[in-house]
Amino acid sequence: MRNLGTNTYLDLMAKRTPGIEGVDEKEAFSRLLRAEAEAIANKLPELVMPLIDERVEELFQAMPESMKKEDKVTHDKMDEKTLRNMFAGIVANKLGLGFSTLRK
């Protein structure tokens, strides 16, 4: 029965007072970082949409004529709006956003 009631780990830890200095400032700074990151993430769609619109015009011109014609079975037609929504979904997925986030 050695060290019974004295100098045990729990006795030593009870006497230790953790340093609290700077914890509030660190938490406040962490909240500030999260808020700024959220603000940038919220601006991302409005920054990316003009780039998407610009590229869609180029991609539509490069699209083969066979894709622009109406499908004989489904009667779907690939127009610029359809291409833009498809391309915006692909870009949104690459950015880790939802598929419909950048669609118009």
N, C-alpha and C. Protein backbone atom coordinates (compact mmCIF):
# COMPACT_ATOMS: atom_id res chain seq x y z
N MET A 1 0.81 -1.18 0.00
CA MET A 1 0.00 0.00 0.00
C MET A 1 0.86 1.25 0.00
N ARG A 2 1.65 1.37 -0.96
CA ARG A 2 2.48 2.57 -0.96
C ARG A 2 1.77 3.71 -1.69
N ASN A 3 2.13 4.92 -1.38
CA ASN A 3 1.57 6.15 -1.94
C ASN A 3 0.06 6.22 -1.80
N LEU A 4 -0.45 5.67 -0.79
CA LEU A 4 -1.88 5.67 -0.59
C LEU A 4 -2.33 7.07 -0.17
N GLY A 5 -3.04 7.75 -1.06
CA GLY A 5 -3.58 9.06 -0.75
C GLY A 5 -2.61 10.21 -0.95
N THR A 6 -1.38 9.97 -1.32
CA THR A 6 -0.44 11.06 -1.52
C THR A 6 0.32 10.86 -2.82
N ASN A 7 0.55 11.95 -3.51
CA ASN A 7 1.33 11.97 -4.73
C ASN A 7 0.82 11.01 -5.82
N THR A 8 -0.43 10.74 -5.82
CA THR A 8 -0.97 9.95 -6.93
C THR A 8 -1.21 10.90 -8.10
N TYR A 9 -1.47 10.31 -9.22
CA TYR A 9 -1.69 11.11 -10.42
C TYR A 9 -2.86 12.08 -10.23
N LEU A 10 -3.95 11.59 -9.66
CA LEU A 10 -5.11 12.45 -9.47
C LEU A 10 -4.84 13.56 -8.46
N ASP A 11 -4.04 13.28 -7.44
CA ASP A 11 -3.68 14.32 -6.48
C ASP A 11 -2.88 15.42 -7.17
N LEU A 12 -1.94 15.03 -7.99
CA LEU A 12 -1.12 16.02 -8.68
C LEU A 12 -1.95 16.83 -9.68
N MET A 13 -2.87 16.19 -10.38
CA MET A 13 -3.70 16.88 -11.36
C MET A 13 -4.67 17.84 -10.70
N ALA A 14 -5.13 17.52 -9.51
CA ALA A 14 -6.06 18.40 -8.82
C ALA A 14 -5.38 19.71 -8.45
N LYS A 15 -4.08 19.67 -8.17
CA LYS A 15 -3.35 20.89 -7.81
C LYS A 15 -2.99 21.72 -9.03
N ARG A 16 -2.99 21.09 -10.17
CA ARG A 16 -2.59 21.80 -11.39
C ARG A 16 -3.74 22.70 -11.85
N THR A 17 -3.45 23.93 -12.13
CA THR A 17 -4.45 24.85 -12.67
C THR A 17 -4.08 25.13 -14.12
N PRO A 18 -4.93 24.73 -15.03
CA PRO A 18 -4.61 24.94 -16.44
C PRO A 18 -4.57 26.42 -16.78
N GLY A 19 -3.66 26.79 -17.66
CA GLY A 19 -3.54 28.18 -18.08
C GLY A 19 -4.69 28.55 -19.00
N ILE A 20 -5.48 29.50 -18.60
CA ILE A 20 -6.65 29.90 -19.36
C ILE A 20 -6.36 31.15 -20.19
N GLU A 21 -5.22 31.76 -19.96
CA GLU A 21 -4.93 33.00 -20.67
C GLU A 21 -4.91 32.75 -22.18
N GLY A 22 -5.58 33.60 -22.91
CA GLY A 22 -5.57 33.53 -24.36
C GLY A 22 -6.65 32.63 -24.96
N VAL A 23 -7.36 31.88 -24.15
CA VAL A 23 -8.37 30.97 -24.69
C VAL A 23 -9.51 31.75 -25.32
N ASP A 24 -9.98 32.80 -24.65
CA ASP A 24 -11.07 33.61 -25.20
C ASP A 24 -10.67 34.26 -26.51
N GLU A 25 -9.45 34.77 -26.57
CA GLU A 25 -8.98 35.40 -27.80
C GLU A 25 -8.88 34.39 -28.93
N LYS A 26 -8.42 33.18 -28.61
CA LYS A 26 -8.29 32.13 -29.62
C LYS A 26 -9.67 31.73 -30.15
N GLU A 27 -10.63 31.59 -29.26
CA GLU A 27 -11.98 31.23 -29.68
C GLU A 27 -12.59 32.34 -30.52
N ALA A 28 -12.38 33.59 -30.13
CA ALA A 28 -12.91 34.72 -30.90
C ALA A 28 -12.27 34.76 -32.29
N PHE A 29 -10.96 34.50 -32.36
CA PHE A 29 -10.28 34.50 -33.65
C PHE A 29 -10.75 33.33 -34.51
N SER A 30 -11.01 32.18 -33.90
CA SER A 30 -11.54 31.04 -34.64
C SER A 30 -12.92 31.34 -35.22
N ARG A 31 -13.75 32.03 -34.43
CA ARG A 31 -15.07 32.43 -34.93
C ARG A 31 -14.93 33.41 -36.08
N LEU A 32 -13.97 34.33 -35.99
CA LEU A 32 -13.72 35.29 -37.07
C LEU A 32 -13.28 34.57 -38.33
N LEU A 33 -12.39 33.59 -38.20
CA LEU A 33 -11.93 32.82 -39.36
C LEU A 33 -13.09 32.07 -40.02
N ARG A 34 -13.93 31.45 -39.20
CA ARG A 34 -15.08 30.72 -39.76
C ARG A 34 -16.05 31.66 -40.46
N ALA A 35 -16.27 32.85 -39.90
CA ALA A 35 -17.17 33.81 -40.51
C ALA A 35 -16.62 34.31 -41.85
N GLU A 36 -15.33 34.58 -41.90
CA GLU A 36 -14.71 35.02 -43.16
C GLU A 36 -14.75 33.92 -44.21
N ALA A 37 -14.50 32.69 -43.81
CA ALA A 37 -14.57 31.57 -44.74
C ALA A 37 -15.99 31.40 -45.28
N GLU A 38 -16.96 31.56 -44.42
CA GLU A 38 -18.37 31.48 -44.84
C GLU A 38 -18.72 32.59 -45.82
N ALA A 39 -18.20 33.81 -45.57
CA ALA A 39 -18.46 34.93 -46.47
C ALA A 39 -17.87 34.67 -47.85
N ILE A 40 -16.68 34.13 -47.89
CA ILE A 40 -16.05 33.81 -49.18
C ILE A 40 -16.83 32.69 -49.88
N ALA A 41 -17.23 31.68 -49.14
CA ALA A 41 -18.00 30.57 -49.72
C ALA A 41 -19.33 31.07 -50.28
N ASN A 42 -19.94 32.05 -49.62
CA ASN A 42 -21.21 32.61 -50.11
C ASN A 42 -21.01 33.44 -51.37
N LYS A 43 -19.83 34.06 -51.54
CA LYS A 43 -19.55 34.86 -52.73
C LYS A 43 -19.12 34.01 -53.92
N LEU A 44 -18.74 32.78 -53.66
CA LEU A 44 -18.20 31.92 -54.72
C LEU A 44 -19.14 31.77 -55.92
N PRO A 45 -20.43 31.51 -55.73
CA PRO A 45 -21.30 31.38 -56.91
C PRO A 45 -21.33 32.63 -57.79
N GLU A 46 -21.39 33.80 -57.19
CA GLU A 46 -21.45 35.02 -58.00
C GLU A 46 -20.12 35.31 -58.69
N LEU A 47 -19.02 34.77 -58.17
CA LEU A 47 -17.73 34.93 -58.83
C LEU A 47 -17.56 33.94 -59.98
N VAL A 48 -18.13 32.76 -59.82
CA VAL A 48 -17.94 31.69 -60.81
C VAL A 48 -18.94 31.80 -61.97
N MET A 49 -20.13 32.32 -61.73
CA MET A 49 -21.17 32.36 -62.77
C MET A 49 -20.74 33.09 -64.04
N PRO A 50 -20.10 34.26 -63.95
CA PRO A 50 -19.65 34.91 -65.20
C PRO A 50 -18.65 34.06 -65.98
N LEU A 51 -17.80 33.33 -65.27
CA LEU A 51 -16.85 32.45 -65.94
C LEU A 51 -17.57 31.31 -66.66
N ILE A 52 -18.60 30.78 -66.01
CA ILE A 52 -19.38 29.71 -66.62
C ILE A 52 -20.08 30.21 -67.87
N ASP A 53 -20.73 31.39 -67.76
CA ASP A 53 -21.43 31.95 -68.92
C ASP A 53 -20.49 32.18 -70.09
N GLU A 54 -19.30 32.67 -69.79
CA GLU A 54 -18.31 32.93 -70.83
C GLU A 54 -17.88 31.63 -71.53
N ARG A 55 -17.62 30.60 -70.74
CA ARG A 55 -17.18 29.32 -71.30
C ARG A 55 -18.31 28.61 -72.04
N VAL A 56 -19.55 28.78 -71.60
CA VAL A 56 -20.67 28.10 -72.26
C VAL A 56 -20.81 28.59 -73.70
N GLU A 57 -20.62 29.87 -73.91
CA GLU A 57 -20.70 30.39 -75.29
C GLU A 57 -19.67 29.71 -76.17
N GLU A 58 -18.44 29.56 -75.67
CA GLU A 58 -17.38 28.91 -76.43
C GLU A 58 -17.69 27.42 -76.63
N LEU A 59 -18.17 26.77 -75.57
CA LEU A 59 -18.48 25.34 -75.66
C LEU A 59 -19.64 25.08 -76.61
N PHE A 60 -20.63 25.97 -76.63
CA PHE A 60 -21.77 25.79 -77.52
C PHE A 60 -21.33 25.89 -78.98
N GLN A 61 -20.41 26.81 -79.25
CA GLN A 61 -19.89 26.92 -80.61
C GLN A 61 -19.08 25.68 -81.00
N ALA A 62 -18.41 25.06 -80.04
CA ALA A 62 -17.59 23.88 -80.31
C ALA A 62 -18.40 22.58 -80.32
N MET A 63 -19.64 22.64 -79.87
CA MET A 63 -20.46 21.44 -79.80
C MET A 63 -20.80 20.95 -81.21
N PRO A 64 -20.71 19.63 -81.44
CA PRO A 64 -21.03 19.10 -82.76
C PRO A 64 -22.49 19.36 -83.14
N GLU A 65 -22.73 19.55 -84.42
CA GLU A 65 -24.08 19.82 -84.92
C GLU A 65 -25.04 18.68 -84.61
N SER A 66 -24.53 17.46 -84.56
CA SER A 66 -25.40 16.31 -84.27
C SER A 66 -26.01 16.40 -82.88
N MET A 67 -25.31 17.06 -81.95
CA MET A 67 -25.85 17.22 -80.59
C MET A 67 -26.86 18.36 -80.51
N LYS A 68 -26.81 19.28 -81.47
CA LYS A 68 -27.73 20.42 -81.45
C LYS A 68 -29.09 20.06 -82.04
N LYS A 69 -29.14 18.96 -82.80
CA LYS A 69 -30.40 18.54 -83.41
C LYS A 69 -31.29 17.85 -82.38
N GLU A 70 -32.57 17.87 -82.63
CA GLU A 70 -33.53 17.22 -81.74
C GLU A 70 -33.36 15.71 -81.80
N ASP A 71 -33.39 15.09 -80.65
CA ASP A 71 -33.28 13.63 -80.57
C ASP A 71 -34.57 13.01 -81.09
N LYS A 72 -34.44 11.98 -81.91
CA LYS A 72 -35.61 11.37 -82.54
C LYS A 72 -36.47 10.59 -81.56
N VAL A 73 -35.87 10.10 -80.50
CA VAL A 73 -36.62 9.29 -79.54
C VAL A 73 -37.20 10.15 -78.42
N THR A 74 -36.34 10.94 -77.78
CA THR A 74 -36.79 11.72 -76.61
C THR A 74 -37.27 13.11 -76.98
N HIS A 75 -36.96 13.54 -78.18
CA HIS A 75 -37.30 14.89 -78.67
C HIS A 75 -36.63 15.99 -77.84
N ASP A 76 -35.56 15.64 -77.14
CA ASP A 76 -34.77 16.63 -76.41
C ASP A 76 -33.85 17.34 -77.38
N LYS A 77 -33.65 18.61 -77.13
CA LYS A 77 -32.77 19.40 -77.97
C LYS A 77 -31.75 20.09 -77.06
N MET A 78 -30.48 19.97 -77.39
CA MET A 78 -29.42 20.59 -76.59
C MET A 78 -29.25 22.03 -77.05
N ASP A 79 -29.83 22.94 -76.28
CA ASP A 79 -29.65 24.35 -76.59
C ASP A 79 -28.65 24.96 -75.60
N GLU A 80 -28.42 26.25 -75.72
CA GLU A 80 -27.41 26.90 -74.88
C GLU A 80 -27.78 26.87 -73.40
N LYS A 81 -29.05 27.00 -73.11
CA LYS A 81 -29.49 26.98 -71.70
C LYS A 81 -29.26 25.60 -71.09
N THR A 82 -29.59 24.56 -71.84
CA THR A 82 -29.39 23.19 -71.35
C THR A 82 -27.91 22.92 -71.12
N LEU A 83 -27.09 23.36 -72.08
CA LEU A 83 -25.64 23.18 -71.94
C LEU A 83 -25.11 23.94 -70.73
N ARG A 84 -25.63 25.15 -70.52
CA ARG A 84 -25.17 25.96 -69.38
C ARG A 84 -25.49 25.28 -68.06
N ASN A 85 -26.73 24.75 -67.94
CA ASN A 85 -27.12 24.08 -66.71
C ASN A 85 -26.30 22.82 -66.48
N MET A 86 -26.02 22.07 -67.54
CA MET A 86 -25.22 20.87 -67.42
C MET A 86 -23.79 21.22 -67.00
N PHE A 87 -23.22 22.21 -67.66
CA PHE A 87 -21.85 22.64 -67.36
C PHE A 87 -21.76 23.23 -65.96
N ALA A 88 -22.76 24.02 -65.55
CA ALA A 88 -22.77 24.60 -64.21
C ALA A 88 -22.84 23.51 -63.14
N GLY A 89 -23.60 22.46 -63.40
CA GLY A 89 -23.66 21.33 -62.46
C GLY A 89 -22.33 20.62 -62.33
N ILE A 90 -21.63 20.46 -63.45
CA ILE A 90 -20.32 19.81 -63.42
C ILE A 90 -19.32 20.66 -62.63
N VAL A 91 -19.33 21.98 -62.87
CA VAL A 91 -18.43 22.89 -62.15
C VAL A 91 -18.77 22.89 -60.66
N ALA A 92 -20.05 22.93 -60.33
CA ALA A 92 -20.47 22.93 -58.92
C ALA A 92 -19.99 21.66 -58.22
N ASN A 93 -20.09 20.53 -58.89
CA ASN A 93 -19.61 19.28 -58.29
C ASN A 93 -18.11 19.32 -58.08
N LYS A 94 -17.37 19.89 -59.02
CA LYS A 94 -15.92 19.99 -58.86
C LYS A 94 -15.54 20.89 -57.69
N LEU A 95 -16.36 21.90 -57.42
CA LEU A 95 -16.11 22.82 -56.31
C LEU A 95 -16.63 22.27 -54.98
N GLY A 96 -17.32 21.14 -55.03
CA GLY A 96 -17.86 20.56 -53.80
C GLY A 96 -19.18 21.18 -53.39
N LEU A 97 -19.84 21.86 -54.31
CA LEU A 97 -21.15 22.45 -54.04
C LEU A 97 -22.22 21.48 -54.55
N GLY A 98 -23.45 21.77 -54.27
CA GLY A 98 -24.53 20.94 -54.80
C GLY A 98 -24.67 21.12 -56.29
N PHE A 99 -25.19 20.11 -56.99
CA PHE A 99 -25.28 20.14 -58.44
C PHE A 99 -26.06 21.33 -58.95
N SER A 100 -27.11 21.73 -58.25
CA SER A 100 -27.97 22.80 -58.75
C SER A 100 -27.59 24.19 -58.21
N THR A 101 -26.49 24.30 -57.49
CA THR A 101 -26.11 25.57 -56.87
C THR A 101 -25.87 26.67 -57.90
N LEU A 102 -25.22 26.35 -59.00
CA LEU A 102 -24.82 27.36 -59.99
C LEU A 102 -25.76 27.42 -61.19
N ARG A 103 -26.82 26.66 -61.16
CA ARG A 103 -27.74 26.66 -62.30
C ARG A 103 -28.61 27.90 -62.29
N LYS A 104 -29.06 28.29 -63.48
CA LYS A 104 -29.98 29.43 -63.60
C LYS A 104 -31.39 28.93 -63.81
